[in-house]
Amino acid sequence: MDELLKLEVNAQTGEEVVRPYTQEEIDAYNEMLAAEQASKDAAAAQEAAKASAVAKLSALGLTSDEIASLFTNTQAGA
């Protein structure tokens, strides 16, 4: 990976300093990237599970309207 650089700007003087990230900042950045990837992976897995469920329900003879109604977020009595 290329060296990560951070731009720090003093709001009062306008002085700009470009410096390398500290190890702590690099670790935090990598944790953020890992969390973002985990979120994307979870969303993809959920979408794949939904597609599988739709295919199975369709194979059982449910119509697309019936299947869609199963995936609607409605709460009884709310």
C-alpha atoms as a PDB file:
ATOM      1  CA  MET A   1       0.000   0.000   0.000  1.00  0.00           C
ATOM      2  CA  ASP A   2       1.202   3.507  -0.746  1.00  0.00           C
ATOM      3  CA  GLU A   3       2.047   5.741   2.168  1.00  0.00           C
ATOM      4  CA  LEU A   4      -1.053   7.403   3.587  1.00  0.00           C
ATOM      5  CA  LEU A   5      -0.728  11.144   3.988  1.00  0.00           C
ATOM      6  CA  LYS A   6      -2.800  13.474   6.102  1.00  0.00           C
ATOM      7  CA  LEU A   7      -3.373  17.150   5.390  1.00  0.00           C
ATOM      8  CA  GLU A   8      -3.706  19.269   8.514  1.00  0.00           C
ATOM      9  CA  VAL A   9      -4.835  22.869   8.099  1.00  0.00           C
ATOM     10  CA  ASN A  10      -4.631  25.456  10.855  1.00  0.00           C
ATOM     11  CA  ALA A  11      -7.938  27.319  10.545  1.00  0.00           C
ATOM     12  CA  GLN A  12      -6.545  30.480  12.131  1.00  0.00           C
ATOM     13  CA  THR A  13      -3.332  30.826  10.137  1.00  0.00           C
ATOM     14  CA  GLY A  14      -4.169  28.821   7.010  1.00  0.00           C
ATOM     15  CA  GLU A  15      -0.905  26.904   7.453  1.00  0.00           C
ATOM     16  CA  GLU A  16      -1.017  23.506   5.757  1.00  0.00           C
ATOM     17  CA  VAL A  17       1.048  20.542   6.916  1.00  0.00           C
ATOM     18  CA  VAL A  18       1.152  17.225   5.067  1.00  0.00           C
ATOM     19  CA  ARG A  19       2.386  14.353   7.203  1.00  0.00           C
ATOM     20  CA  PRO A  20       2.317  10.565   7.126  1.00  0.00           C
ATOM     21  CA  TYR A  21      -0.408   8.798   9.097  1.00  0.00           C
ATOM     22  CA  THR A  22       0.605   7.459  12.489  1.00  0.00           C
ATOM     23  CA  GLN A  23       0.344   3.722  13.094  1.00  0.00           C
ATOM     24  CA  GLU A  24      -2.748   4.373  15.221  1.00  0.00           C
ATOM     25  CA  GLU A  25      -4.400   6.254  12.347  1.00  0.00           C
ATOM     26  CA  ILE A  26      -3.468   3.489   9.894  1.00  0.00           C
ATOM     27  CA  ASP A  27      -4.982   0.876  12.229  1.00  0.00           C
ATOM     28  CA  ALA A  28      -8.191   2.921  12.556  1.00  0.00           C
ATOM     29  CA  TYR A  29      -8.338   3.344   8.757  1.00  0.00           C
ATOM     30  CA  ASN A  30      -7.895  -0.405   8.213  1.00  0.00           C
ATOM     31  CA  GLU A  31     -10.601  -1.170  10.803  1.00  0.00           C
ATOM     32  CA  MET A  32     -12.966   1.201   8.997  1.00  0.00           C
ATOM     33  CA  LEU A  33     -12.242  -0.506   5.667  1.00  0.00           C
ATOM     34  CA  ALA A  34     -12.798  -3.946   7.211  1.00  0.00           C
ATOM     35  CA  ALA A  35     -16.110  -2.856   8.767  1.00  0.00           C
ATOM     36  CA  GLU A  36     -17.255  -1.416   5.449  1.00  0.00           C
ATOM     37  CA  GLN A  37     -16.379  -4.653   3.635  1.00  0.00           C
ATOM     38  CA  ALA A  38     -18.132  -6.736   6.296  1.00  0.00           C
ATOM     39  CA  SER A  39     -21.252  -4.616   5.869  1.00  0.00           C
ATOM     40  CA  LYS A  40     -21.167  -5.077   2.086  1.00  0.00           C
ATOM     41  CA  ASP A  41     -20.619  -8.829   2.493  1.00  0.00           C
ATOM     42  CA  ALA A  42     -23.555  -9.101   4.916  1.00  0.00           C
ATOM     43  CA  ALA A  43     -25.831  -7.196   2.532  1.00  0.00           C
ATOM     44  CA  ALA A  44     -24.794  -9.442  -0.363  1.00  0.00           C
ATOM     45  CA  ALA A  45     -25.395 -12.568   1.712  1.00  0.00           C
ATOM     46  CA  GLN A  46     -28.830 -11.303   2.743  1.00  0.00           C
ATOM     47  CA  GLU A  47     -29.714 -10.542  -0.871  1.00  0.00           C
ATOM     48  CA  ALA A  48     -28.558 -14.011  -1.945  1.00  0.00           C
ATOM     49  CA  ALA A  49     -30.627 -15.633   0.816  1.00  0.00           C
ATOM     50  CA  LYS A  50     -33.682 -13.648  -0.279  1.00  0.00           C
ATOM     51  CA  ALA A  51     -33.188 -14.683  -3.913  1.00  0.00           C
ATOM     52  CA  SER A  52     -32.889 -18.307  -2.821  1.00  0.00           C
ATOM     53  CA  ALA A  53     -36.063 -18.048  -0.744  1.00  0.00           C
ATOM     54  CA  VAL A  54     -37.959 -16.456  -3.639  1.00  0.00           C
ATOM     55  CA  ALA A  55     -36.846 -19.246  -5.985  1.00  0.00           C
ATOM     56  CA  LYS A  56     -37.931 -21.934  -3.518  1.00  0.00           C
ATOM     57  CA  LEU A  57     -41.305 -20.295  -2.886  1.00  0.00           C
ATOM     58  CA  SER A  58     -41.839 -19.929  -6.617  1.00  0.00           C
ATOM     59  CA  ALA A  59     -41.025 -23.629  -7.083  1.00  0.00           C
ATOM     60  CA  LEU A  60     -43.734 -24.399  -4.518  1.00  0.00           C
ATOM     61  CA  GLY A  61     -46.230 -22.598  -6.732  1.00  0.00           C
ATOM     62  CA  LEU A  62     -46.581 -19.217  -5.025  1.00  0.00           C
ATOM     63  CA  THR A  63     -47.251 -16.274  -7.327  1.00  0.00           C
ATOM     64  CA  SER A  64     -44.939 -13.275  -7.454  1.00  0.00           C
ATOM     65  CA  ASP A  65     -47.584 -11.211  -5.625  1.00  0.00           C
ATOM     66  CA  GLU A  66     -47.831 -13.802  -2.846  1.00  0.00           C
ATOM     67  CA  ILE A  67     -44.059 -13.942  -2.522  1.00  0.00           C
ATOM     68  CA  ALA A  68     -43.775 -10.145  -2.494  1.00  0.00           C
ATOM     69  CA  SER A  69     -46.345  -9.940   0.289  1.00  0.00           C
ATOM     70  CA  LEU A  70     -44.149 -12.197   2.434  1.00  0.00           C
ATOM     71  CA  PHE A  71     -41.253  -9.750   2.183  1.00  0.00           C
ATOM     72  CA  THR A  72     -43.230  -6.613   3.002  1.00  0.00           C
ATOM     73  CA  ASN A  73     -42.513  -5.048   6.378  1.00  0.00           C
ATOM     74  CA  THR A  74     -45.924  -4.757   7.973  1.00  0.00           C
ATOM     75  CA  GLN A  75     -46.718  -5.121  11.626  1.00  0.00           C
ATOM     76  CA  ALA A  76     -50.140  -6.278  12.726  1.00  0.00           C
ATOM     77  CA  GLY A  77     -51.866  -3.871  15.046  1.00  0.00           C
ATOM     78  CA  ALA A  78     -49.403  -1.050  14.456  1.00  0.00           C
END
